Amino acid sequence: MGVVVVTRRRRWFLPETPDVLGLLRSQVAVTLEGLDAFRAWAAGDPAAAEQVRDAEHRGDAAKRELLTALRAAFVTPLEPEDVFALSRGIDRLLNHARELINESEAMACPPDARIAEMATLLADALQRIDTAIASLGSDADAATEAADAAITLEQRLEHAYYAGMADLLRIEDRNARIARRELYRRCSQLGETVVDVAERVVYAVMKES
């Protein structure tokens, strides 16, 4: 009677490789929606405030999905530390925008032309960051150029901020002056966050080169 030899094939299962950069861009896309709504609110559309709050919640979900994928990924196009820092910075943009709106409503201090100007510059800067992130891993020069463009827009925001602070000297009502100053500072904080994200892009490019 012959002996039946059973050959077992070993299968090697590679760890999952999720699209980390794709998920990061999805988070940016939600944030872009939120900052577009923030721009509309700053231009005089109070109803857009709820769109910002909705985007902030969806942005939190997008961030959680990205971080879950990052933990599961065996190989990532960027170092996990850089992905985390970029996601955290992008998340803070919507958080700060929502907080600014909440403060504006609490203090009964609607946005003015300076805030509208800064909100537009913020939305435009995030568009450049989206371009920079899309170029990561494929075109280092394009990523750096787009990140630098975002920083340039933030510099224009800084000029608008100081011009607005100078305008406050002409406001006689002390409470109104304090309230508007706080809103301007929130806009400046948003601008600083844009720079943090843009510089992280540049740093990631330098490490990969």
N, C-alpha and C. Protein backbone atom coordinates (compact mmCIF):
# COMPACT_ATOMS: atom_id res chain seq x y z
N MET A 1 0.86 -1.19 0.00
CA MET A 1 0.00 0.00 0.00
C MET A 1 0.89 1.23 0.00
N GLY A 2 0.65 2.12 -0.95
CA GLY A 2 1.51 3.30 -1.07
C GLY A 2 1.23 4.31 0.04
N VAL A 3 2.20 5.11 0.29
CA VAL A 3 2.08 6.15 1.30
C VAL A 3 1.72 7.46 0.61
N VAL A 4 0.66 8.07 1.06
CA VAL A 4 0.20 9.33 0.48
C VAL A 4 0.91 10.48 1.20
N VAL A 5 1.63 11.22 0.45
CA VAL A 5 2.34 12.35 1.02
C VAL A 5 1.56 13.63 0.75
N VAL A 6 1.18 14.32 1.77
CA VAL A 6 0.41 15.55 1.65
C VAL A 6 1.37 16.73 1.78
N THR A 7 1.43 17.49 0.74
CA THR A 7 2.31 18.67 0.76
C THR A 7 1.51 19.89 1.17
N ARG A 8 1.94 20.52 2.20
CA ARG A 8 1.27 21.72 2.67
C ARG A 8 2.03 22.95 2.19
N ARG A 9 1.30 23.80 1.60
CA ARG A 9 1.91 25.04 1.14
C ARG A 9 1.79 26.12 2.22
N ARG A 10 2.91 26.70 2.47
CA ARG A 10 2.89 27.78 3.45
C ARG A 10 2.55 29.10 2.76
N ARG A 11 1.64 29.79 3.34
CA ARG A 11 1.24 31.08 2.80
C ARG A 11 1.71 32.18 3.75
N TRP A 12 2.35 33.13 3.15
CA TRP A 12 2.82 34.25 3.92
C TRP A 12 1.84 35.40 3.77
N PHE A 13 1.35 35.86 4.88
CA PHE A 13 0.39 36.96 4.86
C PHE A 13 1.10 38.24 5.27
N LEU A 14 1.13 39.18 4.34
CA LEU A 14 1.75 40.46 4.63
C LEU A 14 0.78 41.34 5.42
N PRO A 15 1.29 42.15 6.31
CA PRO A 15 0.40 43.05 7.07
C PRO A 15 -0.32 44.01 6.12
N GLU A 16 -1.44 44.48 6.60
CA GLU A 16 -2.24 45.41 5.80
C GLU A 16 -1.47 46.71 5.57
N THR A 17 -1.64 47.25 4.36
CA THR A 17 -0.99 48.52 4.03
C THR A 17 -2.07 49.53 3.65
N PRO A 18 -2.67 50.19 4.62
CA PRO A 18 -3.73 51.16 4.33
C PRO A 18 -3.17 52.40 3.66
N ASP A 19 -4.03 53.11 2.97
CA ASP A 19 -3.64 54.34 2.27
C ASP A 19 -3.62 55.48 3.27
N VAL A 20 -2.51 55.62 3.97
CA VAL A 20 -2.40 56.61 5.04
C VAL A 20 -2.50 58.03 4.48
N LEU A 21 -1.78 58.30 3.40
CA LEU A 21 -1.84 59.64 2.82
C LEU A 21 -3.23 59.95 2.28
N GLY A 22 -3.90 58.94 1.74
CA GLY A 22 -5.26 59.14 1.26
C GLY A 22 -6.20 59.50 2.39
N LEU A 23 -6.04 58.83 3.53
CA LEU A 23 -6.87 59.14 4.69
C LEU A 23 -6.54 60.53 5.25
N LEU A 24 -5.27 60.92 5.19
CA LEU A 24 -4.89 62.25 5.64
C LEU A 24 -5.52 63.31 4.75
N ARG A 25 -5.53 63.05 3.44
CA ARG A 25 -6.16 64.01 2.53
C ARG A 25 -7.67 64.05 2.73
N SER A 26 -8.26 62.92 3.14
CA SER A 26 -9.70 62.92 3.44
C SER A 26 -9.99 63.82 4.64
N GLN A 27 -9.11 63.78 5.63
CA GLN A 27 -9.26 64.68 6.77
C GLN A 27 -9.11 66.13 6.34
N VAL A 28 -8.15 66.38 5.45
CA VAL A 28 -7.96 67.74 4.95
C VAL A 28 -9.21 68.19 4.19
N ALA A 29 -9.82 67.29 3.41
CA ALA A 29 -11.01 67.64 2.62
C ALA A 29 -12.15 68.09 3.54
N VAL A 30 -12.35 67.39 4.64
CA VAL A 30 -13.38 67.79 5.61
C VAL A 30 -13.03 69.15 6.21
N THR A 31 -11.76 69.34 6.49
CA THR A 31 -11.31 70.61 7.08
C THR A 31 -11.48 71.76 6.10
N LEU A 32 -11.24 71.49 4.83
CA LEU A 32 -11.47 72.51 3.80
C LEU A 32 -12.95 72.92 3.77
N GLU A 33 -13.83 71.93 3.88
CA GLU A 33 -15.27 72.25 3.94
C GLU A 33 -15.56 73.15 5.14
N GLY A 34 -14.95 72.79 6.28
CA GLY A 34 -15.18 73.58 7.48
C GLY A 34 -14.66 74.99 7.38
N LEU A 35 -13.47 75.16 6.79
CA LEU A 35 -12.92 76.50 6.67
C LEU A 35 -13.62 77.32 5.59
N ASP A 36 -14.17 76.65 4.59
CA ASP A 36 -15.01 77.37 3.62
C ASP A 36 -16.27 77.89 4.31
N ALA A 37 -16.84 77.06 5.18
CA ALA A 37 -18.02 77.50 5.95
C ALA A 37 -17.63 78.61 6.92
N PHE A 38 -16.44 78.51 7.50
CA PHE A 38 -15.95 79.55 8.40
C PHE A 38 -15.79 80.86 7.64
N ARG A 39 -15.30 80.78 6.42
CA ARG A 39 -15.18 81.98 5.59
C ARG A 39 -16.55 82.59 5.31
N ALA A 40 -17.54 81.74 5.03
CA ALA A 40 -18.89 82.24 4.78
C ALA A 40 -19.46 82.88 6.04
N TRP A 41 -19.23 82.25 7.19
CA TRP A 41 -19.70 82.84 8.46
C TRP A 41 -19.06 84.20 8.68
N ALA A 42 -17.76 84.28 8.47
CA ALA A 42 -17.04 85.54 8.70
C ALA A 42 -17.48 86.63 7.74
N ALA A 43 -17.99 86.21 6.56
CA ALA A 43 -18.46 87.18 5.58
C ALA A 43 -19.88 87.64 5.84
N GLY A 44 -20.53 87.08 6.89
CA GLY A 44 -21.86 87.57 7.26
C GLY A 44 -22.98 86.57 7.16
N ASP A 45 -22.66 85.26 7.12
CA ASP A 45 -23.69 84.23 7.05
C ASP A 45 -23.73 83.46 8.37
N PRO A 46 -24.56 83.86 9.33
CA PRO A 46 -24.58 83.20 10.64
C PRO A 46 -24.92 81.72 10.57
N ALA A 47 -25.72 81.32 9.57
CA ALA A 47 -26.12 79.92 9.46
C ALA A 47 -24.94 79.00 9.17
N ALA A 48 -23.86 79.55 8.62
CA ALA A 48 -22.68 78.74 8.29
C ALA A 48 -21.97 78.23 9.54
N ALA A 49 -22.30 78.81 10.70
CA ALA A 49 -21.68 78.36 11.94
C ALA A 49 -21.95 76.89 12.20
N GLU A 50 -23.18 76.44 11.91
CA GLU A 50 -23.51 75.03 12.13
C GLU A 50 -22.75 74.13 11.17
N GLN A 51 -22.46 74.61 9.99
CA GLN A 51 -21.65 73.83 9.04
C GLN A 51 -20.24 73.64 9.56
N VAL A 52 -19.71 74.67 10.21
CA VAL A 52 -18.38 74.55 10.81
C VAL A 52 -18.40 73.50 11.92
N ARG A 53 -19.42 73.54 12.75
CA ARG A 53 -19.51 72.58 13.86
C ARG A 53 -19.68 71.15 13.33
N ASP A 54 -20.47 71.01 12.29
CA ASP A 54 -20.65 69.68 11.70
C ASP A 54 -19.32 69.17 11.12
N ALA A 55 -18.61 70.04 10.43
CA ALA A 55 -17.32 69.65 9.86
C ALA A 55 -16.33 69.28 10.96
N GLU A 56 -16.40 69.98 12.09
CA GLU A 56 -15.48 69.68 13.19
C GLU A 56 -15.72 68.27 13.72
N HIS A 57 -16.98 67.86 13.82
CA HIS A 57 -17.30 66.50 14.27
C HIS A 57 -16.81 65.47 13.25
N ARG A 58 -17.05 65.75 11.97
CA ARG A 58 -16.60 64.81 10.92
C ARG A 58 -15.08 64.78 10.83
N GLY A 59 -14.46 65.91 11.12
CA GLY A 59 -13.01 65.94 11.13
C GLY A 59 -12.43 65.07 12.23
N ASP A 60 -13.09 65.07 13.40
CA ASP A 60 -12.65 64.20 14.49
C ASP A 60 -12.74 62.73 14.07
N ALA A 61 -13.82 62.37 13.39
CA ALA A 61 -13.99 60.99 12.93
C ALA A 61 -12.92 60.63 11.90
N ALA A 62 -12.62 61.56 11.00
CA ALA A 62 -11.59 61.31 9.99
C ALA A 62 -10.22 61.13 10.64
N LYS A 63 -9.96 61.91 11.66
CA LYS A 63 -8.69 61.79 12.38
C LYS A 63 -8.60 60.42 13.07
N ARG A 64 -9.68 59.99 13.71
CA ARG A 64 -9.67 58.68 14.39
C ARG A 64 -9.43 57.56 13.39
N GLU A 65 -10.08 57.64 12.22
CA GLU A 65 -9.89 56.61 11.19
C GLU A 65 -8.44 56.57 10.73
N LEU A 66 -7.85 57.74 10.55
CA LEU A 66 -6.46 57.79 10.13
C LEU A 66 -5.53 57.18 11.17
N LEU A 67 -5.72 57.53 12.43
CA LEU A 67 -4.85 57.02 13.48
C LEU A 67 -5.01 55.52 13.66
N THR A 68 -6.23 55.01 13.47
CA THR A 68 -6.44 53.56 13.52
C THR A 68 -5.66 52.87 12.41
N ALA A 69 -5.73 53.43 11.21
CA ALA A 69 -5.00 52.87 10.07
C ALA A 69 -3.50 52.96 10.29
N LEU A 70 -3.07 54.04 10.90
CA LEU A 70 -1.64 54.24 11.14
C LEU A 70 -1.10 53.16 12.09
N ARG A 71 -1.88 52.80 13.07
CA ARG A 71 -1.46 51.75 14.00
C ARG A 71 -1.36 50.39 13.31
N ALA A 72 -2.22 50.17 12.32
CA ALA A 72 -2.25 48.87 11.64
C ALA A 72 -1.24 48.78 10.50
N ALA A 73 -0.75 49.90 10.04
CA ALA A 73 0.10 49.91 8.85
C ALA A 73 1.48 49.33 9.16
N PHE A 74 1.96 48.49 8.26
CA PHE A 74 3.30 47.91 8.38
C PHE A 74 4.34 48.86 7.79
N VAL A 75 3.97 49.46 6.66
CA VAL A 75 4.84 50.42 5.99
C VAL A 75 4.03 51.67 5.70
N THR A 76 4.60 52.83 5.94
CA THR A 76 3.90 54.09 5.65
C THR A 76 4.79 54.97 4.77
N PRO A 77 4.18 55.79 3.92
CA PRO A 77 4.97 56.65 3.02
C PRO A 77 5.73 57.75 3.76
N LEU A 78 5.26 58.08 4.94
CA LEU A 78 5.94 59.04 5.82
C LEU A 78 6.14 58.37 7.18
N GLU A 79 7.04 58.91 7.97
CA GLU A 79 7.20 58.38 9.32
C GLU A 79 5.90 58.62 10.09
N PRO A 80 5.48 57.64 10.90
CA PRO A 80 4.23 57.80 11.66
C PRO A 80 4.17 59.08 12.48
N GLU A 81 5.31 59.50 13.01
CA GLU A 81 5.36 60.73 13.80
C GLU A 81 4.93 61.94 12.97
N ASP A 82 5.35 61.98 11.70
CA ASP A 82 4.99 63.10 10.83
C ASP A 82 3.51 63.05 10.47
N VAL A 83 3.00 61.86 10.19
CA VAL A 83 1.58 61.73 9.87
C VAL A 83 0.74 62.18 11.05
N PHE A 84 1.12 61.75 12.24
CA PHE A 84 0.38 62.13 13.45
C PHE A 84 0.40 63.64 13.64
N ALA A 85 1.57 64.26 13.48
CA ALA A 85 1.69 65.71 13.68
C ALA A 85 0.86 66.48 12.66
N LEU A 86 0.85 66.02 11.42
CA LEU A 86 0.06 66.69 10.39
C LEU A 86 -1.43 66.56 10.70
N SER A 87 -1.86 65.36 11.07
CA SER A 87 -3.27 65.14 11.39
C SER A 87 -3.70 65.97 12.59
N ARG A 88 -2.85 66.04 13.60
CA ARG A 88 -3.18 66.82 14.79
C ARG A 88 -3.31 68.30 14.46
N GLY A 89 -2.39 68.82 13.66
CA GLY A 89 -2.45 70.23 13.29
C GLY A 89 -3.68 70.56 12.48
N ILE A 90 -4.02 69.70 11.54
CA ILE A 90 -5.20 69.91 10.71
C ILE A 90 -6.46 69.87 11.58
N ASP A 91 -6.48 68.96 12.53
CA ASP A 91 -7.63 68.86 13.45
C ASP A 91 -7.79 70.15 14.26
N ARG A 92 -6.69 70.72 14.67
CA ARG A 92 -6.75 71.94 15.48
C ARG A 92 -7.32 73.12 14.72
N LEU A 93 -7.17 73.14 13.41
CA LEU A 93 -7.73 74.23 12.62
C LEU A 93 -9.24 74.31 12.80
N LEU A 94 -9.91 73.17 12.68
CA LEU A 94 -11.37 73.18 12.86
C LEU A 94 -11.75 73.45 14.31
N ASN A 95 -10.96 72.91 15.24
CA ASN A 95 -11.25 73.18 16.66
C ASN A 95 -11.19 74.67 16.95
N HIS A 96 -10.14 75.33 16.47
CA HIS A 96 -9.99 76.76 16.73
C HIS A 96 -11.08 77.58 16.03
N ALA A 97 -11.43 77.18 14.82
CA ALA A 97 -12.49 77.90 14.09
C ALA A 97 -13.81 77.80 14.84
N ARG A 98 -14.13 76.60 15.32
CA ARG A 98 -15.37 76.41 16.09
C ARG A 98 -15.35 77.25 17.37
N GLU A 99 -14.20 77.24 18.06
CA GLU A 99 -14.09 78.00 19.30
C GLU A 99 -14.24 79.50 19.06
N LEU A 100 -13.70 79.98 17.94
CA LEU A 100 -13.84 81.41 17.61
C LEU A 100 -15.31 81.77 17.41
N ILE A 101 -16.03 80.91 16.70
CA ILE A 101 -17.46 81.16 16.49
C ILE A 101 -18.21 81.14 17.81
N ASN A 102 -17.89 80.17 18.66
CA ASN A 102 -18.55 80.09 19.96
C ASN A 102 -18.30 81.35 20.78
N GLU A 103 -17.08 81.85 20.76
CA GLU A 103 -16.77 83.07 21.50
C GLU A 103 -17.50 84.27 20.91
N SER A 104 -17.55 84.34 19.59
CA SER A 104 -18.25 85.44 18.93
C SER A 104 -19.71 85.48 19.35
N GLU A 105 -20.34 84.31 19.39
CA GLU A 105 -21.75 84.25 19.77
C GLU A 105 -21.93 84.56 21.25
N ALA A 106 -21.02 84.03 22.09
CA ALA A 106 -21.14 84.25 23.53
C ALA A 106 -20.97 85.73 23.89
N MET A 107 -20.10 86.41 23.16
CA MET A 107 -19.83 87.82 23.46
C MET A 107 -20.69 88.77 22.63
N ALA A 108 -21.59 88.20 21.81
CA ALA A 108 -22.45 89.01 20.92
C ALA A 108 -21.60 89.98 20.11
N CYS A 109 -20.51 89.43 19.56
CA CYS A 109 -19.58 90.25 18.77
C CYS A 109 -19.44 89.61 17.40
N PRO A 110 -20.23 90.04 16.41
CA PRO A 110 -20.19 89.41 15.09
C PRO A 110 -18.87 89.69 14.37
N PRO A 111 -18.52 88.88 13.39
CA PRO A 111 -17.28 89.09 12.66
C PRO A 111 -17.33 90.39 11.85
N ASP A 112 -16.16 90.96 11.64
CA ASP A 112 -16.07 92.19 10.85
C ASP A 112 -15.23 91.93 9.60
N ALA A 113 -14.90 93.00 8.88
CA ALA A 113 -14.17 92.85 7.61
C ALA A 113 -12.78 92.26 7.82
N ARG A 114 -12.12 92.59 8.92
CA ARG A 114 -10.79 92.04 9.18
C ARG A 114 -10.85 90.53 9.41
N ILE A 115 -11.83 90.09 10.16
CA ILE A 115 -11.98 88.65 10.39
C ILE A 115 -12.33 87.94 9.09
N ALA A 116 -13.17 88.56 8.27
CA ALA A 116 -13.51 87.98 6.98
C ALA A 116 -12.26 87.84 6.11
N GLU A 117 -11.41 88.85 6.14
CA GLU A 117 -10.16 88.80 5.36
C GLU A 117 -9.27 87.66 5.85
N MET A 118 -9.13 87.54 7.17
CA MET A 118 -8.27 86.49 7.71
C MET A 118 -8.85 85.10 7.45
N ALA A 119 -10.17 84.97 7.50
CA ALA A 119 -10.80 83.69 7.23
C ALA A 119 -10.57 83.25 5.78
N THR A 120 -10.60 84.19 4.87
CA THR A 120 -10.33 83.88 3.46
C THR A 120 -8.89 83.42 3.28
N LEU A 121 -7.96 84.10 3.92
CA LEU A 121 -6.55 83.72 3.82
C LEU A 121 -6.31 82.33 4.43
N LEU A 122 -7.02 82.02 5.50
CA LEU A 122 -6.88 80.70 6.12
C LEU A 122 -7.35 79.59 5.18
N ALA A 123 -8.51 79.79 4.57
CA ALA A 123 -9.03 78.79 3.64
C ALA A 123 -8.10 78.61 2.45
N ASP A 124 -7.56 79.71 1.94
CA ASP A 124 -6.64 79.63 0.81
C ASP A 124 -5.34 78.92 1.21
N ALA A 125 -4.86 79.18 2.42
CA ALA A 125 -3.64 78.54 2.89
C ALA A 125 -3.83 77.03 3.02
N LEU A 126 -5.01 76.61 3.49
CA LEU A 126 -5.25 75.17 3.62
C LEU A 126 -5.32 74.50 2.26
N GLN A 127 -5.80 75.20 1.25
CA GLN A 127 -5.76 74.66 -0.10
C GLN A 127 -4.33 74.35 -0.51
N ARG A 128 -3.40 75.23 -0.17
CA ARG A 128 -1.99 75.00 -0.50
C ARG A 128 -1.44 73.81 0.28
N ILE A 129 -1.86 73.67 1.52
CA ILE A 129 -1.42 72.53 2.32
C ILE A 129 -1.93 71.23 1.73
N ASP A 130 -3.16 71.23 1.24
CA ASP A 130 -3.71 70.05 0.60
C ASP A 130 -2.85 69.66 -0.61
N THR A 131 -2.46 70.65 -1.40
CA THR A 131 -1.58 70.40 -2.54
C THR A 131 -0.24 69.85 -2.09
N ALA A 132 0.28 70.40 -1.00
CA ALA A 132 1.57 69.93 -0.47
C ALA A 132 1.49 68.48 -0.03
N ILE A 133 0.42 68.12 0.69
CA ILE A 133 0.28 66.75 1.16
C ILE A 133 0.08 65.79 0.00
N ALA A 134 -0.65 66.23 -1.02
CA ALA A 134 -0.86 65.38 -2.19
C ALA A 134 0.46 65.09 -2.91
N SER A 135 1.44 65.97 -2.75
CA SER A 135 2.72 65.81 -3.44
C SER A 135 3.74 65.04 -2.61
N LEU A 136 3.44 64.79 -1.35
CA LEU A 136 4.38 64.06 -0.50
C LEU A 136 4.64 62.66 -1.05
N GLY A 137 5.89 62.29 -1.06
CA GLY A 137 6.25 60.96 -1.54
C GLY A 137 6.40 60.85 -3.05
N SER A 138 5.99 61.88 -3.78
CA SER A 138 6.08 61.82 -5.24
C SER A 138 6.81 63.01 -5.84
N ASP A 139 6.64 64.19 -5.26
CA ASP A 139 7.26 65.39 -5.82
C ASP A 139 7.65 66.32 -4.66
N ALA A 140 8.87 66.15 -4.19
CA ALA A 140 9.34 66.91 -3.03
C ALA A 140 9.33 68.40 -3.29
N ASP A 141 9.72 68.81 -4.49
CA ASP A 141 9.77 70.24 -4.81
C ASP A 141 8.37 70.85 -4.79
N ALA A 142 7.39 70.14 -5.35
CA ALA A 142 6.01 70.64 -5.37
C ALA A 142 5.45 70.73 -3.95
N ALA A 143 5.77 69.74 -3.13
CA ALA A 143 5.28 69.75 -1.75
C ALA A 143 5.85 70.94 -0.99
N THR A 144 7.15 71.18 -1.16
CA THR A 144 7.79 72.30 -0.47
C THR A 144 7.27 73.63 -0.97
N GLU A 145 7.09 73.74 -2.28
CA GLU A 145 6.59 74.99 -2.87
C GLU A 145 5.19 75.32 -2.36
N ALA A 146 4.33 74.31 -2.30
CA ALA A 146 2.96 74.55 -1.82
C ALA A 146 2.96 74.90 -0.33
N ALA A 147 3.81 74.25 0.45
CA ALA A 147 3.89 74.56 1.87
C ALA A 147 4.39 75.98 2.08
N ASP A 148 5.38 76.38 1.29
CA ASP A 148 5.89 77.76 1.38
C ASP A 148 4.80 78.77 1.01
N ALA A 149 3.97 78.42 0.03
CA ALA A 149 2.87 79.31 -0.37
C ALA A 149 1.87 79.48 0.77
N ALA A 150 1.63 78.40 1.51
CA ALA A 150 0.73 78.49 2.67
C ALA A 150 1.30 79.42 3.73
N ILE A 151 2.61 79.34 3.95
CA ILE A 151 3.25 80.22 4.93
C ILE A 151 3.18 81.67 4.49
N THR A 152 3.33 81.91 3.18
CA THR A 152 3.23 83.28 2.66
C THR A 152 1.84 83.86 2.91
N LEU A 153 0.82 83.03 2.72
CA LEU A 153 -0.55 83.49 2.99
C LEU A 153 -0.74 83.79 4.47
N GLU A 154 -0.12 83.00 5.32
CA GLU A 154 -0.23 83.26 6.75
C GLU A 154 0.45 84.58 7.11
N GLN A 155 1.52 84.91 6.42
CA GLN A 155 2.17 86.19 6.66
C GLN A 155 1.24 87.36 6.31
N ARG A 156 0.46 87.19 5.25
CA ARG A 156 -0.54 88.20 4.91
C ARG A 156 -1.61 88.27 6.00
N LEU A 157 -1.96 87.11 6.55
CA LEU A 157 -2.93 87.09 7.65
C LEU A 157 -2.38 87.86 8.85
N GLU A 158 -1.09 87.69 9.10
CA GLU A 158 -0.47 88.40 10.23
C GLU A 158 -0.55 89.91 10.03
N HIS A 159 -0.35 90.36 8.79
CA HIS A 159 -0.48 91.80 8.51
C HIS A 159 -1.91 92.28 8.77
N ALA A 160 -2.89 91.45 8.35
CA ALA A 160 -4.29 91.81 8.59
C ALA A 160 -4.59 91.85 10.08
N TYR A 161 -3.99 90.93 10.82
CA TYR A 161 -4.18 90.90 12.27
C TYR A 161 -3.68 92.19 12.92
N TYR A 162 -2.48 92.62 12.56
CA TYR A 162 -1.93 93.84 13.17
C TYR A 162 -2.71 95.08 12.73
N ALA A 163 -3.18 95.07 11.48
CA ALA A 163 -4.00 96.20 11.02
C ALA A 163 -5.30 96.24 11.83
N GLY A 164 -5.87 95.08 12.09
CA GLY A 164 -7.09 95.03 12.89
C GLY A 164 -6.85 95.50 14.32
N MET A 165 -5.72 95.09 14.90
CA MET A 165 -5.41 95.53 16.25
C MET A 165 -5.26 97.05 16.30
N ALA A 166 -4.69 97.62 15.25
CA ALA A 166 -4.57 99.09 15.19
C ALA A 166 -5.94 99.74 15.10
N ASP A 167 -6.85 99.10 14.34
CA ASP A 167 -8.20 99.64 14.20
C ASP A 167 -8.93 99.69 15.55
N LEU A 168 -8.57 98.78 16.45
CA LEU A 168 -9.25 98.73 17.74
C LEU A 168 -9.07 100.00 18.56
N LEU A 169 -8.01 100.72 18.27
CA LEU A 169 -7.75 101.95 19.02
C LEU A 169 -8.84 102.99 18.80
N ARG A 170 -9.59 102.82 17.70
CA ARG A 170 -10.64 103.79 17.40
C ARG A 170 -12.00 103.37 17.97
N ILE A 171 -12.05 102.20 18.61
CA ILE A 171 -13.30 101.75 19.22
C ILE A 171 -13.37 102.27 20.66
N GLU A 172 -14.37 103.08 20.95
CA GLU A 172 -14.47 103.69 22.28
C GLU A 172 -15.03 102.74 23.33
N ASP A 173 -15.95 101.88 22.91
CA ASP A 173 -16.57 100.97 23.87
C ASP A 173 -15.55 99.91 24.31
N ARG A 174 -15.23 99.90 25.59
CA ARG A 174 -14.19 99.01 26.10
C ARG A 174 -14.55 97.55 25.91
N ASN A 175 -15.79 97.16 26.21
CA ASN A 175 -16.20 95.76 26.08
C ASN A 175 -16.14 95.29 24.63
N ALA A 176 -16.58 96.16 23.73
CA ALA A 176 -16.53 95.81 22.30
C ALA A 176 -15.08 95.65 21.85
N ARG A 177 -14.22 96.52 22.35
CA ARG A 177 -12.80 96.46 21.97
C ARG A 177 -12.16 95.16 22.47
N ILE A 178 -12.46 94.78 23.71
CA ILE A 178 -11.89 93.55 24.27
C ILE A 178 -12.39 92.32 23.52
N ALA A 179 -13.70 92.31 23.23
CA ALA A 179 -14.29 91.16 22.54
C ALA A 179 -13.67 90.97 21.16
N ARG A 180 -13.55 92.05 20.43
CA ARG A 180 -13.01 91.94 19.07
C ARG A 180 -11.53 91.56 19.10
N ARG A 181 -10.82 92.06 20.10
CA ARG A 181 -9.41 91.71 20.23
C ARG A 181 -9.25 90.20 20.43
N GLU A 182 -10.13 89.60 21.22
CA GLU A 182 -10.05 88.15 21.44
C GLU A 182 -10.31 87.38 20.15
N LEU A 183 -11.26 87.86 19.34
CA LEU A 183 -11.54 87.19 18.07
C LEU A 183 -10.35 87.31 17.12
N TYR A 184 -9.73 88.49 17.10
CA TYR A 184 -8.53 88.65 16.27
C TYR A 184 -7.43 87.69 16.71
N ARG A 185 -7.28 87.55 18.01
CA ARG A 185 -6.24 86.64 18.52
C ARG A 185 -6.53 85.20 18.13
N ARG A 186 -7.79 84.84 18.12
CA ARG A 186 -8.15 83.50 17.66
C ARG A 186 -7.74 83.29 16.20
N CYS A 187 -7.97 84.30 15.39
CA CYS A 187 -7.56 84.22 13.98
C CYS A 187 -6.05 84.07 13.86
N SER A 188 -5.33 84.82 14.68
CA SER A 188 -3.87 84.72 14.68
C SER A 188 -3.43 83.32 15.09
N GLN A 189 -4.13 82.74 16.05
CA GLN A 189 -3.82 81.37 16.50
C GLN A 189 -4.04 80.37 15.35
N LEU A 190 -5.10 80.57 14.60
CA LEU A 190 -5.34 79.73 13.43
C LEU A 190 -4.18 79.85 12.44
N GLY A 191 -3.71 81.07 12.24
CA GLY A 191 -2.60 81.28 11.33
C GLY A 191 -1.34 80.57 11.80
N GLU A 192 -1.07 80.61 13.09
CA GLU A 192 0.10 79.92 13.64
C GLU A 192 -0.01 78.41 13.43
N THR A 193 -1.21 77.88 13.52
CA THR A 193 -1.41 76.45 13.29
C THR A 193 -1.14 76.09 11.84
N VAL A 194 -1.55 76.95 10.92
CA VAL A 194 -1.25 76.74 9.50
C VAL A 194 0.25 76.65 9.28
N VAL A 195 1.00 77.55 9.92
CA VAL A 195 2.46 77.53 9.77
C VAL A 195 3.03 76.23 10.34
N ASP A 196 2.53 75.79 11.49
CA ASP A 196 3.01 74.54 12.08
C ASP A 196 2.83 73.37 11.12
N VAL A 197 1.65 73.29 10.48
CA VAL A 197 1.38 72.19 9.55
C VAL A 197 2.28 72.31 8.31
N ALA A 198 2.39 73.51 7.77
CA ALA A 198 3.21 73.71 6.57
C ALA A 198 4.67 73.37 6.84
N GLU A 199 5.17 73.81 7.98
CA GLU A 199 6.56 73.52 8.31
C GLU A 199 6.78 72.03 8.57
N ARG A 200 5.75 71.34 9.06
CA ARG A 200 5.88 69.90 9.25
C ARG A 200 5.98 69.19 7.89
N VAL A 201 5.27 69.69 6.91
CA VAL A 201 5.39 69.15 5.56
C VAL A 201 6.82 69.30 5.07
N VAL A 202 7.37 70.50 5.23
CA VAL A 202 8.75 70.74 4.79
C VAL A 202 9.72 69.83 5.53
N TYR A 203 9.50 69.65 6.81
CA TYR A 203 10.36 68.78 7.62
C TYR A 203 10.28 67.33 7.13
N ALA A 204 9.07 66.88 6.82
CA ALA A 204 8.90 65.52 6.33
C ALA A 204 9.61 65.33 4.99
N VAL A 205 9.55 66.33 4.15
CA VAL A 205 10.24 66.27 2.84
C VAL A 205 11.74 66.17 3.07
N MET A 206 12.26 66.95 3.98
CA MET A 206 13.71 66.95 4.26
C MET A 206 14.16 65.57 4.74
N LYS A 207 13.35 64.93 5.58
CA LYS A 207 13.74 63.62 6.11
C LYS A 207 13.71 62.53 5.05
N GLU A 208 12.80 62.70 4.07
CA GLU A 208 12.68 61.68 3.03
C GLU A 208 13.70 61.87 1.92
N SER A 209 14.30 63.05 1.84
CA SER A 209 15.24 63.32 0.74
C SER A 209 16.63 62.78 1.04
